[in-house]
Amino acid sequence: MHKLFLTLALIVASGLAHAQSHDVQDDRGRTVPMPDTPERIVVLQEPLLGIPILELGLDIVGSYGRNDDGSSMLRVDFIKTVLGKDGADLGISGIGPLGNIDLEKLSALKPDLIIGGESDADKADILSSVAPVYLKNIRTPDITGFSTQQKLADLLGVSDRFDALMADYKSQLDDVRAKLPEAPNGKTYLAVIIYDQINVVSNMSGVIQAIEDLGYRRADLQGSGKASGYGQGFAVPLSSEQFARLNPDILIIMNSYVSADRGPAAIRDRLNAIVPGWDRFLRPHKEGRVLYLDSVAVTTPTVASARHTLDAIEAWATSK
């Protein structure tokens, strides 16, 4: 009998420990009962929240845009492309198509924490009936590089893991910088992504973080339009005439992340449709100063995306 009571006491204590939480204030000023050790996290924004959390070595049980078996509903799979992992192997289930949460599926996952962005504020009260909802700013122009991932690491109690990622990244940064054909200090760059038109990538995603950490500075550009893209301030439209005159020391060109083919040939074909004959007069192209990158691999706010960028820059530098 004594053993039975002891076993029951341990079970109750374990349950209480698992349920322990502390109040935090999210980026929308809401008070959120944060689990001390969240173990069943659901994310409402996979590229901007899910990928940073997964790279930190934490588990996610649910995400938008995935089927019940963890496979992607979309033509692109950020988890597979950025992290080289499979959503099914990671035990991630879908909670409905983008923008349409299936509350029954969400509840069945028994999450202990739901993390969303600013645009999810209108759903927070409903979702809070399932689990605590933390809203993280992910689209404001002042968010730079790894800041989202670093703040998530602090929030979730794994700052040491972020520090380890950064140590490896800085080591690679030094190696790549040493292989560049010229010292990058004072040299310029621009990164563009092609949607229905050409757009300059303007915020500090992994690709921008990496190239600026190498020492390149963003080339001055006048007359660009209003910001657009999957994060406010992510990209600004660029006219065909402006594109034709670009002459940074390094020009990075990417296809839209929803494109089925994001390889160099597809990028060049897309440019031909927008700016016919661009390859005959664009100086960076003629002089071998263009890098064609996979937008899915390099545009998340993660160390992983920055390292994909460094890999591409190293390959370019050593081929010259």
C-alpha atoms as a PDB file:
ATOM      1  CA  MET A   1       0.000   0.000   0.000  1.00  0.00           C
ATOM      2  CA  HIS A   2       2.843   2.350   0.866  1.00  0.00           C
ATOM      3  CA  LYS A   3       4.398   1.719  -2.562  1.00  0.00           C
ATOM      4  CA  LEU A   4       1.047   2.430  -4.242  1.00  0.00           C
ATOM      5  CA  PHE A   5       0.719   5.786  -2.498  1.00  0.00           C
ATOM      6  CA  LEU A   6       4.353   6.589  -3.328  1.00  0.00           C
ATOM      7  CA  THR A   7       3.773   5.767  -7.009  1.00  0.00           C
ATOM      8  CA  LEU A   8       0.626   7.913  -7.113  1.00  0.00           C
ATOM      9  CA  ALA A   9       2.468  10.763  -5.434  1.00  0.00           C
ATOM     10  CA  LEU A  10       5.269  10.581  -7.983  1.00  0.00           C
ATOM     11  CA  ILE A  11       2.779  10.608 -10.863  1.00  0.00           C
ATOM     12  CA  VAL A  12       1.002  13.653  -9.431  1.00  0.00           C
ATOM     13  CA  ALA A  13       4.304  15.415  -8.804  1.00  0.00           C
ATOM     14  CA  SER A  14       5.434  14.655 -12.336  1.00  0.00           C
ATOM     15  CA  GLY A  15       2.216  16.091 -13.742  1.00  0.00           C
ATOM     16  CA  LEU A  16       2.563  19.229 -11.652  1.00  0.00           C
ATOM     17  CA  ALA A  17       6.158  19.673 -12.753  1.00  0.00           C
ATOM     18  CA  HIS A  18       5.160  19.286 -16.366  1.00  0.00           C
ATOM     19  CA  ALA A  19       2.427  21.877 -15.893  1.00  0.00           C
ATOM     20  CA  GLN A  20       4.698  24.436 -14.248  1.00  0.00           C
ATOM     21  CA  SER A  21       4.820  27.764 -16.020  1.00  0.00           C
ATOM     22  CA  HIS A  22       5.827  31.359 -15.584  1.00  0.00           C
ATOM     23  CA  ASP A  23       4.252  34.517 -16.943  1.00  0.00           C
ATOM     24  CA  VAL A  24       5.969  36.331 -19.798  1.00  0.00           C
ATOM     25  CA  GLN A  25       4.942  39.237 -21.967  1.00  0.00           C
ATOM     26  CA  ASP A  26       4.858  38.569 -25.687  1.00  0.00           C
ATOM     27  CA  ASP A  27       5.663  41.065 -28.430  1.00  0.00           C
ATOM     28  CA  ARG A  28       2.034  42.228 -28.554  1.00  0.00           C
ATOM     29  CA  GLY A  29       2.070  43.114 -24.843  1.00  0.00           C
ATOM     30  CA  ARG A  30      -0.029  40.104 -23.824  1.00  0.00           C
ATOM     31  CA  THR A  31       0.684  38.168 -20.632  1.00  0.00           C
ATOM     32  CA  VAL A  32       1.278  34.522 -21.517  1.00  0.00           C
ATOM     33  CA  PRO A  33       1.643  31.570 -19.085  1.00  0.00           C
ATOM     34  CA  MET A  34       4.813  30.122 -20.603  1.00  0.00           C
ATOM     35  CA  PRO A  35       5.573  26.449 -19.816  1.00  0.00           C
ATOM     36  CA  ASP A  36       8.926  26.137 -18.081  1.00  0.00           C
ATOM     37  CA  THR A  37       9.908  23.330 -20.449  1.00  0.00           C
ATOM     38  CA  PRO A  38       7.621  23.352 -23.510  1.00  0.00           C
ATOM     39  CA  GLU A  39       7.634  19.952 -25.183  1.00  0.00           C
ATOM     40  CA  ARG A  40       4.745  20.100 -27.658  1.00  0.00           C
ATOM     41  CA  ILE A  41       5.117  23.312 -29.657  1.00  0.00           C
ATOM     42  CA  VAL A  42       2.868  24.281 -32.543  1.00  0.00           C
ATOM     43  CA  VAL A  43       3.985  27.082 -34.885  1.00  0.00           C
ATOM     44  CA  LEU A  44       1.728  29.216 -37.046  1.00  0.00           C
ATOM     45  CA  GLN A  45       4.566  30.498 -39.288  1.00  0.00           C
ATOM     46  CA  GLU A  46       6.922  27.730 -40.382  1.00  0.00           C
ATOM     47  CA  PRO A  47       9.705  29.570 -42.292  1.00  0.00           C
ATOM     48  CA  LEU A  48       9.983  32.437 -39.808  1.00  0.00           C
ATOM     49  CA  LEU A  49       9.334  30.563 -36.536  1.00  0.00           C
ATOM     50  CA  GLY A  50       9.381  26.829 -37.121  1.00  0.00           C
ATOM     51  CA  ILE A  51      12.744  26.609 -38.878  1.00  0.00           C
ATOM     52  CA  PRO A  52      14.559  28.705 -36.220  1.00  0.00           C
ATOM     53  CA  ILE A  53      13.084  26.536 -33.434  1.00  0.00           C
ATOM     54  CA  LEU A  54      13.937  23.255 -35.160  1.00  0.00           C
ATOM     55  CA  GLU A  55      17.521  24.356 -35.768  1.00  0.00           C
ATOM     56  CA  LEU A  56      17.794  25.002 -32.035  1.00  0.00           C
ATOM     57  CA  GLY A  57      17.129  21.292 -31.500  1.00  0.00           C
ATOM     58  CA  LEU A  58      13.604  21.655 -30.153  1.00  0.00           C
ATOM     59  CA  ASP A  59      10.619  19.599 -31.269  1.00  0.00           C
ATOM     60  CA  ILE A  60       7.563  20.885 -33.105  1.00  0.00           C
ATOM     61  CA  VAL A  61       4.431  18.773 -33.160  1.00  0.00           C
ATOM     62  CA  GLY A  62       2.332  20.850 -35.555  1.00  0.00           C
ATOM     63  CA  SER A  63       2.589  23.456 -38.293  1.00  0.00           C
ATOM     64  CA  TYR A  64       0.538  25.125 -41.009  1.00  0.00           C
ATOM     65  CA  GLY A  65       0.761  23.804 -44.533  1.00  0.00           C
ATOM     66  CA  ARG A  66       1.514  20.155 -43.720  1.00  0.00           C
ATOM     67  CA  ASN A  67      -0.414  16.951 -44.155  1.00  0.00           C
ATOM     68  CA  ASP A  68      -1.179  14.616 -41.281  1.00  0.00           C
ATOM     69  CA  ASP A  69       1.940  12.572 -42.122  1.00  0.00           C
ATOM     70  CA  GLY A  70       4.183  15.642 -41.953  1.00  0.00           C
ATOM     71  CA  SER A  71       4.696  16.050 -45.689  1.00  0.00           C
ATOM     72  CA  SER A  72       4.381  19.536 -47.162  1.00  0.00           C
ATOM     73  CA  MET A  73       1.155  20.631 -48.859  1.00  0.00           C
ATOM     74  CA  LEU A  74       3.169  23.142 -50.863  1.00  0.00           C
ATOM     75  CA  ARG A  75       5.589  22.844 -53.755  1.00  0.00           C
ATOM     76  CA  VAL A  76       8.370  23.852 -51.407  1.00  0.00           C
ATOM     77  CA  ASP A  77       9.447  22.270 -48.133  1.00  0.00           C
ATOM     78  CA  PHE A  78      11.421  24.659 -45.948  1.00  0.00           C
ATOM     79  CA  ILE A  79      12.303  22.000 -43.381  1.00  0.00           C
ATOM     80  CA  LYS A  80      13.798  19.696 -45.985  1.00  0.00           C
ATOM     81  CA  THR A  81      15.550  22.444 -47.956  1.00  0.00           C
ATOM     82  CA  VAL A  82      16.977  24.452 -45.055  1.00  0.00           C
ATOM     83  CA  LEU A  83      17.639  21.731 -42.490  1.00  0.00           C
ATOM     84  CA  GLY A  84      17.865  18.595 -44.643  1.00  0.00           C
ATOM     85  CA  LYS A  85      15.220  16.887 -42.524  1.00  0.00           C
ATOM     86  CA  ASP A  86      11.782  15.451 -43.158  1.00  0.00           C
ATOM     87  CA  GLY A  87       8.660  16.668 -41.395  1.00  0.00           C
ATOM     88  CA  ALA A  88       7.358  13.096 -41.154  1.00  0.00           C
ATOM     89  CA  ASP A  89      10.549  11.847 -39.484  1.00  0.00           C
ATOM     90  CA  LEU A  90      10.379  14.777 -37.056  1.00  0.00           C
ATOM     91  CA  GLY A  91       6.825  13.862 -36.039  1.00  0.00           C
ATOM     92  CA  ILE A  92       5.278  17.098 -37.284  1.00  0.00           C
ATOM     93  CA  SER A  93       1.579  17.027 -38.151  1.00  0.00           C
ATOM     94  CA  GLY A  94      -0.493  19.502 -40.106  1.00  0.00           C
ATOM     95  CA  ILE A  95      -3.005  21.824 -38.457  1.00  0.00           C
ATOM     96  CA  GLY A  96      -4.680  22.829 -41.703  1.00  0.00           C
ATOM     97  CA  PRO A  97      -3.773  24.698 -44.900  1.00  0.00           C
ATOM     98  CA  LEU A  98      -2.181  28.133 -44.684  1.00  0.00           C
ATOM     99  CA  GLY A  99      -4.487  30.597 -42.962  1.00  0.00           C
ATOM    100  CA  ASN A 100      -7.128  28.006 -42.092  1.00  0.00           C
ATOM    101  CA  ILE A 101      -6.552  26.302 -38.745  1.00  0.00           C
ATOM    102  CA  ASP A 102      -8.311  23.012 -38.101  1.00  0.00           C
ATOM    103  CA  LEU A 103      -9.094  23.343 -34.379  1.00  0.00           C
ATOM    104  CA  GLU A 104      -9.895  19.658 -34.085  1.00  0.00           C
ATOM    105  CA  LYS A 105      -6.483  18.677 -35.441  1.00  0.00           C
ATOM    106  CA  LEU A 106      -4.803  21.307 -33.299  1.00  0.00           C
ATOM    107  CA  SER A 107      -6.492  20.062 -30.118  1.00  0.00           C
ATOM    108  CA  ALA A 108      -5.638  16.456 -30.933  1.00  0.00           C
ATOM    109  CA  LEU A 109      -1.934  17.347 -30.900  1.00  0.00           C
ATOM    110  CA  LYS A 110      -2.242  18.427 -27.232  1.00  0.00           C
ATOM    111  CA  PRO A 111       0.201  21.332 -27.593  1.00  0.00           C
ATOM    112  CA  ASP A 112       1.594  22.994 -24.499  1.00  0.00           C
ATOM    113  CA  LEU A 113       2.610  26.135 -26.429  1.00  0.00           C
ATOM    114  CA  ILE A 114       1.487  27.809 -29.656  1.00  0.00           C
ATOM    115  CA  ILE A 115       3.817  30.393 -31.229  1.00  0.00           C
ATOM    116  CA  GLY A 116       2.538  32.767 -33.908  1.00  0.00           C
ATOM    117  CA  GLY A 117       3.327  36.102 -35.499  1.00  0.00           C
ATOM    118  CA  GLU A 118       1.691  39.518 -35.556  1.00  0.00           C
ATOM    119  CA  SER A 119      -0.834  38.471 -38.188  1.00  0.00           C
ATOM    120  CA  ASP A 120      -2.119  35.744 -35.863  1.00  0.00           C
ATOM    121  CA  ALA A 121      -3.285  38.198 -33.214  1.00  0.00           C
ATOM    122  CA  ASP A 122      -6.919  37.888 -34.296  1.00  0.00           C
ATOM    123  CA  LYS A 123      -6.812  34.136 -33.587  1.00  0.00           C
ATOM    124  CA  ALA A 124      -5.029  34.305 -30.255  1.00  0.00           C
ATOM    125  CA  ASP A 125      -8.120  34.290 -27.997  1.00  0.00           C
ATOM    126  CA  ILE A 126      -9.621  31.238 -29.696  1.00  0.00           C
ATOM    127  CA  LEU A 127      -6.338  29.346 -29.784  1.00  0.00           C
ATOM    128  CA  SER A 128      -5.652  30.133 -26.122  1.00  0.00           C
ATOM    129  CA  SER A 129      -8.471  27.737 -25.240  1.00  0.00           C
ATOM    130  CA  VAL A 130      -6.184  24.972 -26.557  1.00  0.00           C
ATOM    131  CA  ALA A 131      -2.784  26.118 -25.233  1.00  0.00           C
ATOM    132  CA  PRO A 132      -0.921  29.311 -24.292  1.00  0.00           C
ATOM    133  CA  VAL A 133      -0.336  31.494 -27.366  1.00  0.00           C
ATOM    134  CA  TYR A 134       2.850  33.550 -27.665  1.00  0.00           C
ATOM    135  CA  LEU A 135       2.900  36.158 -30.447  1.00  0.00           C
ATOM    136  CA  LYS A 136       6.354  37.033 -31.784  1.00  0.00           C
ATOM    137  CA  ASN A 137       7.068  40.003 -34.021  1.00  0.00           C
ATOM    138  CA  ILE A 138       8.480  38.560 -37.240  1.00  0.00           C
ATOM    139  CA  ARG A 139       7.543  41.067 -39.941  1.00  0.00           C
ATOM    140  CA  THR A 140       8.558  44.492 -38.642  1.00  0.00           C
ATOM    141  CA  PRO A 141      11.364  46.273 -40.535  1.00  0.00           C
ATOM    142  CA  ASP A 142      13.626  46.516 -37.475  1.00  0.00           C
ATOM    143  CA  ILE A 143      13.976  42.722 -37.193  1.00  0.00           C
ATOM    144  CA  THR A 144      17.419  41.776 -38.427  1.00  0.00           C
ATOM    145  CA  GLY A 145      19.275  38.569 -39.238  1.00  0.00           C
ATOM    146  CA  PHE A 146      19.360  36.081 -36.424  1.00  0.00           C
ATOM    147  CA  SER A 147      17.541  38.285 -33.909  1.00  0.00           C
ATOM    148  CA  THR A 148      14.328  36.249 -34.185  1.00  0.00           C
ATOM    149  CA  GLN A 149      16.173  32.988 -33.604  1.00  0.00           C
ATOM    150  CA  GLN A 150      18.188  34.431 -30.728  1.00  0.00           C
ATOM    151  CA  LYS A 151      15.066  35.738 -28.997  1.00  0.00           C
ATOM    152  CA  LEU A 152      13.304  32.407 -29.464  1.00  0.00           C
ATOM    153  CA  ALA A 153      16.307  30.668 -27.919  1.00  0.00           C
ATOM    154  CA  ASP A 154      16.110  32.989 -24.903  1.00  0.00           C
ATOM    155  CA  LEU A 155      12.355  32.489 -24.633  1.00  0.00           C
ATOM    156  CA  LEU A 156      12.561  28.704 -24.791  1.00  0.00           C
ATOM    157  CA  GLY A 157      15.560  28.379 -22.497  1.00  0.00           C
ATOM    158  CA  VAL A 158      18.127  27.155 -25.030  1.00  0.00           C
ATOM    159  CA  SER A 159      20.444  30.139 -25.398  1.00  0.00           C
ATOM    160  CA  ASP A 160      23.429  27.818 -25.096  1.00  0.00           C
ATOM    161  CA  ARG A 161      22.365  26.032 -28.275  1.00  0.00           C
ATOM    162  CA  PHE A 162      22.150  29.310 -30.162  1.00  0.00           C
ATOM    163  CA  ASP A 163      25.625  30.229 -28.902  1.00  0.00           C
ATOM    164  CA  ALA A 164      26.962  26.903 -30.213  1.00  0.00           C
ATOM    165  CA  LEU A 165      25.382  27.518 -33.635  1.00  0.00           C
ATOM    166  CA  MET A 166      26.955  30.971 -33.722  1.00  0.00           C
ATOM    167  CA  ALA A 167      30.408  29.641 -32.824  1.00  0.00           C
ATOM    168  CA  ASP A 168      30.342  27.229 -35.772  1.00  0.00           C
ATOM    169  CA  TYR A 169      28.981  29.959 -38.044  1.00  0.00           C
ATOM    170  CA  LYS A 170      31.720  32.428 -37.111  1.00  0.00           C
ATOM    171  CA  SER A 171      34.361  29.800 -37.788  1.00  0.00           C
ATOM    172  CA  GLN A 172      32.937  29.207 -41.273  1.00  0.00           C
ATOM    173  CA  LEU A 173      32.691  32.967 -41.785  1.00  0.00           C
ATOM    174  CA  ASP A 174      36.431  33.347 -41.177  1.00  0.00           C
ATOM    175  CA  ASP A 175      37.234  30.469 -43.532  1.00  0.00           C
ATOM    176  CA  VAL A 176      35.127  31.863 -46.370  1.00  0.00           C
ATOM    177  CA  ARG A 177      36.404  35.415 -45.933  1.00  0.00           C
ATOM    178  CA  ALA A 178      39.970  34.117 -46.333  1.00  0.00           C
ATOM    179  CA  LYS A 179      39.048  32.520 -49.679  1.00  0.00           C
ATOM    180  CA  LEU A 180      37.488  35.587 -51.280  1.00  0.00           C
ATOM    181  CA  PRO A 181      39.358  36.878 -54.346  1.00  0.00           C
ATOM    182  CA  GLU A 182      39.460  40.384 -52.817  1.00  0.00           C
ATOM    183  CA  ALA A 183      39.006  41.728 -49.304  1.00  0.00           C
ATOM    184  CA  PRO A 184      35.267  42.473 -48.919  1.00  0.00           C
ATOM    185  CA  ASN A 185      35.646  45.645 -46.886  1.00  0.00           C
ATOM    186  CA  GLY A 186      34.351  48.529 -48.977  1.00  0.00           C
ATOM    187  CA  LYS A 187      32.854  46.166 -51.561  1.00  0.00           C
ATOM    188  CA  THR A 188      29.116  46.274 -52.294  1.00  0.00           C
ATOM    189  CA  TYR A 189      26.330  43.764 -52.776  1.00  0.00           C
ATOM    190  CA  LEU A 190      22.672  43.613 -53.713  1.00  0.00           C
ATOM    191  CA  ALA A 191      20.280  40.685 -53.475  1.00  0.00           C
ATOM    192  CA  VAL A 192      17.184  40.478 -55.649  1.00  0.00           C
ATOM    193  CA  ILE A 193      14.296  38.035 -55.731  1.00  0.00           C
ATOM    194  CA  ILE A 194      11.915  37.600 -58.651  1.00  0.00           C
ATOM    195  CA  TYR A 195       8.169  37.464 -58.079  1.00  0.00           C
ATOM    196  CA  ASP A 196       6.003  38.919 -60.851  1.00  0.00           C
ATOM    197  CA  GLN A 197       8.706  41.560 -61.026  1.00  0.00           C
ATOM    198  CA  ILE A 198      12.229  42.042 -59.722  1.00  0.00           C
ATOM    199  CA  ASN A 199      12.516  43.007 -56.045  1.00  0.00           C
ATOM    200  CA  VAL A 200      15.492  44.007 -53.921  1.00  0.00           C
ATOM    201  CA  VAL A 201      15.821  41.952 -50.741  1.00  0.00           C
ATOM    202  CA  SER A 202      16.109  44.575 -48.041  1.00  0.00           C
ATOM    203  CA  ASN A 203      15.885  42.959 -44.634  1.00  0.00           C
ATOM    204  CA  MET A 204      18.354  40.852 -42.716  1.00  0.00           C
ATOM    205  CA  SER A 205      17.406  37.291 -43.553  1.00  0.00           C
ATOM    206  CA  GLY A 206      20.094  34.615 -43.389  1.00  0.00           C
ATOM    207  CA  VAL A 207      21.446  35.535 -46.813  1.00  0.00           C
ATOM    208  CA  ILE A 208      21.810  39.220 -45.956  1.00  0.00           C
ATOM    209  CA  GLN A 209      23.244  38.476 -42.525  1.00  0.00           C
ATOM    210  CA  ALA A 210      25.970  36.283 -44.030  1.00  0.00           C
ATOM    211  CA  ILE A 211      27.089  38.642 -46.765  1.00  0.00           C
ATOM    212  CA  GLU A 212      27.147  41.650 -44.431  1.00  0.00           C
ATOM    213  CA  ASP A 213      29.022  39.663 -41.793  1.00  0.00           C
ATOM    214  CA  LEU A 214      31.651  38.936 -44.444  1.00  0.00           C
ATOM    215  CA  GLY A 215      32.156  42.687 -44.748  1.00  0.00           C
ATOM    216  CA  TYR A 216      30.157  43.666 -47.833  1.00  0.00           C
ATOM    217  CA  ARG A 217      27.900  46.703 -47.615  1.00  0.00           C
ATOM    218  CA  ARG A 218      24.582  47.171 -49.357  1.00  0.00           C
ATOM    219  CA  ALA A 219      24.870  49.191 -52.551  1.00  0.00           C
ATOM    220  CA  ASP A 220      22.960  52.463 -52.592  1.00  0.00           C
ATOM    221  CA  LEU A 221      19.742  52.246 -54.536  1.00  0.00           C
ATOM    222  CA  GLN A 222      17.400  55.133 -55.213  1.00  0.00           C
ATOM    223  CA  GLY A 223      13.788  55.082 -56.308  1.00  0.00           C
ATOM    224  CA  SER A 224      12.747  51.609 -55.179  1.00  0.00           C
ATOM    225  CA  GLY A 225       9.111  51.045 -54.280  1.00  0.00           C
ATOM    226  CA  LYS A 226       7.133  49.978 -51.225  1.00  0.00           C
ATOM    227  CA  ALA A 227       8.210  46.895 -49.277  1.00  0.00           C
ATOM    228  CA  SER A 228       6.473  43.580 -49.890  1.00  0.00           C
ATOM    229  CA  GLY A 229       7.088  39.854 -49.474  1.00  0.00           C
ATOM    230  CA  TYR A 230       6.703  37.296 -46.695  1.00  0.00           C
ATOM    231  CA  GLY A 231       7.941  39.746 -44.097  1.00  0.00           C
ATOM    232  CA  GLN A 232       7.143  43.443 -44.066  1.00  0.00           C
ATOM    233  CA  GLY A 233      10.233  45.070 -45.483  1.00  0.00           C
ATOM    234  CA  PHE A 234      11.458  41.784 -46.994  1.00  0.00           C
ATOM    235  CA  ALA A 235      11.714  43.118 -50.532  1.00  0.00           C
ATOM    236  CA  VAL A 236      11.058  46.302 -52.496  1.00  0.00           C
ATOM    237  CA  PRO A 237      10.126  46.424 -56.203  1.00  0.00           C
ATOM    238  CA  LEU A 238      12.779  47.358 -58.732  1.00  0.00           C
ATOM    239  CA  SER A 239      12.064  48.549 -62.273  1.00  0.00           C
ATOM    240  CA  SER A 240      13.590  46.840 -65.294  1.00  0.00           C
ATOM    241  CA  GLU A 241      15.590  49.983 -66.022  1.00  0.00           C
ATOM    242  CA  GLN A 242      17.028  50.055 -62.514  1.00  0.00           C
ATOM    243  CA  PHE A 243      17.913  46.362 -62.711  1.00  0.00           C
ATOM    244  CA  ALA A 244      19.745  46.867 -65.991  1.00  0.00           C
ATOM    245  CA  ARG A 245      21.961  49.524 -64.372  1.00  0.00           C
ATOM    246  CA  LEU A 246      22.905  47.493 -61.287  1.00  0.00           C
ATOM    247  CA  ASN A 247      26.627  47.130 -60.733  1.00  0.00           C
ATOM    248  CA  PRO A 248      27.401  45.949 -57.191  1.00  0.00           C
ATOM    249  CA  ASP A 249      30.559  43.925 -56.580  1.00  0.00           C
ATOM    250  CA  ILE A 250      28.338  40.900 -55.897  1.00  0.00           C
ATOM    251  CA  LEU A 251      24.791  40.512 -57.188  1.00  0.00           C
ATOM    252  CA  ILE A 252      22.680  37.733 -55.685  1.00  0.00           C
ATOM    253  CA  ILE A 253      19.650  36.652 -57.732  1.00  0.00           C
ATOM    254  CA  MET A 254      16.905  34.314 -56.533  1.00  0.00           C
ATOM    255  CA  ASN A 255      13.644  32.966 -57.883  1.00  0.00           C
ATOM    256  CA  SER A 256      10.456  33.260 -55.842  1.00  0.00           C
ATOM    257  CA  TYR A 257      10.330  30.714 -53.031  1.00  0.00           C
ATOM    258  CA  VAL A 258       7.018  29.409 -54.401  1.00  0.00           C
ATOM    259  CA  SER A 259       8.598  28.561 -57.759  1.00  0.00           C
ATOM    260  CA  ALA A 260       8.920  24.853 -58.479  1.00  0.00           C
ATOM    261  CA  ASP A 261      12.331  25.425 -60.091  1.00  0.00           C
ATOM    262  CA  ARG A 262      14.670  27.793 -58.301  1.00  0.00           C
ATOM    263  CA  GLY A 263      17.861  26.794 -60.093  1.00  0.00           C
ATOM    264  CA  PRO A 264      20.143  29.102 -62.127  1.00  0.00           C
ATOM    265  CA  ALA A 265      18.636  28.215 -65.527  1.00  0.00           C
ATOM    266  CA  ALA A 266      15.091  28.883 -64.317  1.00  0.00           C
ATOM    267  CA  ILE A 267      16.186  32.195 -62.800  1.00  0.00           C
ATOM    268  CA  ARG A 268      17.788  33.301 -66.054  1.00  0.00           C
ATOM    269  CA  ASP A 269      14.683  32.303 -68.032  1.00  0.00           C
ATOM    270  CA  ARG A 270      12.492  34.283 -65.639  1.00  0.00           C
ATOM    271  CA  LEU A 271      14.712  37.320 -66.045  1.00  0.00           C
ATOM    272  CA  ASN A 272      14.557  37.026 -69.831  1.00  0.00           C
ATOM    273  CA  ALA A 273      10.772  37.306 -69.652  1.00  0.00           C
ATOM    274  CA  ILE A 274      10.977  40.481 -67.538  1.00  0.00           C
ATOM    275  CA  VAL A 275      14.120  42.139 -68.937  1.00  0.00           C
ATOM    276  CA  PRO A 276      14.806  40.736 -72.417  1.00  0.00           C
ATOM    277  CA  GLY A 277      18.512  40.733 -73.227  1.00  0.00           C
ATOM    278  CA  TRP A 278      19.575  41.437 -69.629  1.00  0.00           C
ATOM    279  CA  ASP A 279      22.524  39.062 -69.922  1.00  0.00           C
ATOM    280  CA  ARG A 280      24.058  41.183 -72.703  1.00  0.00           C
ATOM    281  CA  PHE A 281      24.350  44.397 -70.699  1.00  0.00           C
ATOM    282  CA  LEU A 282      24.266  43.585 -66.965  1.00  0.00           C
ATOM    283  CA  ARG A 283      27.880  44.073 -65.894  1.00  0.00           C
ATOM    284  CA  PRO A 284      27.924  41.741 -62.857  1.00  0.00           C
ATOM    285  CA  HIS A 285      26.689  38.923 -65.103  1.00  0.00           C
ATOM    286  CA  LYS A 286      29.227  39.634 -67.840  1.00  0.00           C
ATOM    287  CA  GLU A 287      32.076  39.830 -65.310  1.00  0.00           C
ATOM    288  CA  GLY A 288      31.169  36.729 -63.277  1.00  0.00           C
ATOM    289  CA  ARG A 289      29.926  38.553 -60.184  1.00  0.00           C
ATOM    290  CA  VAL A 290      26.455  36.977 -59.973  1.00  0.00           C
ATOM    291  CA  LEU A 291      25.431  34.254 -57.495  1.00  0.00           C
ATOM    292  CA  TYR A 292      22.231  32.315 -58.173  1.00  0.00           C
ATOM    293  CA  LEU A 293      20.839  31.101 -54.851  1.00  0.00           C
ATOM    294  CA  ASP A 294      17.856  29.001 -53.774  1.00  0.00           C
ATOM    295  CA  SER A 295      15.560  31.465 -51.994  1.00  0.00           C
ATOM    296  CA  VAL A 296      14.029  28.747 -49.817  1.00  0.00           C
ATOM    297  CA  ALA A 297      17.449  27.711 -48.512  1.00  0.00           C
ATOM    298  CA  VAL A 298      18.798  31.161 -47.705  1.00  0.00           C
ATOM    299  CA  THR A 299      15.964  33.495 -46.702  1.00  0.00           C
ATOM    300  CA  THR A 300      14.870  32.135 -43.316  1.00  0.00           C
ATOM    301  CA  PRO A 301      16.084  34.110 -40.260  1.00  0.00           C
ATOM    302  CA  THR A 302      18.416  31.300 -39.203  1.00  0.00           C
ATOM    303  CA  VAL A 303      22.056  30.417 -38.879  1.00  0.00           C
ATOM    304  CA  ALA A 304      21.350  27.532 -41.265  1.00  0.00           C
ATOM    305  CA  SER A 305      20.284  29.913 -44.056  1.00  0.00           C
ATOM    306  CA  ALA A 306      23.359  32.043 -43.500  1.00  0.00           C
ATOM    307  CA  ARG A 307      25.574  28.970 -43.743  1.00  0.00           C
ATOM    308  CA  HIS A 308      23.917  27.906 -46.996  1.00  0.00           C
ATOM    309  CA  THR A 309      24.820  31.367 -48.283  1.00  0.00           C
ATOM    310  CA  LEU A 310      28.425  31.000 -47.134  1.00  0.00           C
ATOM    311  CA  ASP A 311      28.656  27.641 -48.914  1.00  0.00           C
ATOM    312  CA  ALA A 312      27.538  29.283 -52.164  1.00  0.00           C
ATOM    313  CA  ILE A 313      29.922  32.226 -51.760  1.00  0.00           C
ATOM    314  CA  GLU A 314      32.820  29.878 -51.053  1.00  0.00           C
ATOM    315  CA  ALA A 315      32.026  27.842 -54.183  1.00  0.00           C
ATOM    316  CA  TRP A 316      31.908  31.068 -56.224  1.00  0.00           C
ATOM    317  CA  ALA A 317      35.170  32.379 -54.735  1.00  0.00           C
ATOM    318  CA  THR A 318      37.129  29.175 -55.273  1.00  0.00           C
ATOM    319  CA  SER A 319      35.941  28.890 -58.877  1.00  0.00           C
ATOM    320  CA  LYS A 320      37.405  32.233 -59.883  1.00  0.00           C
END
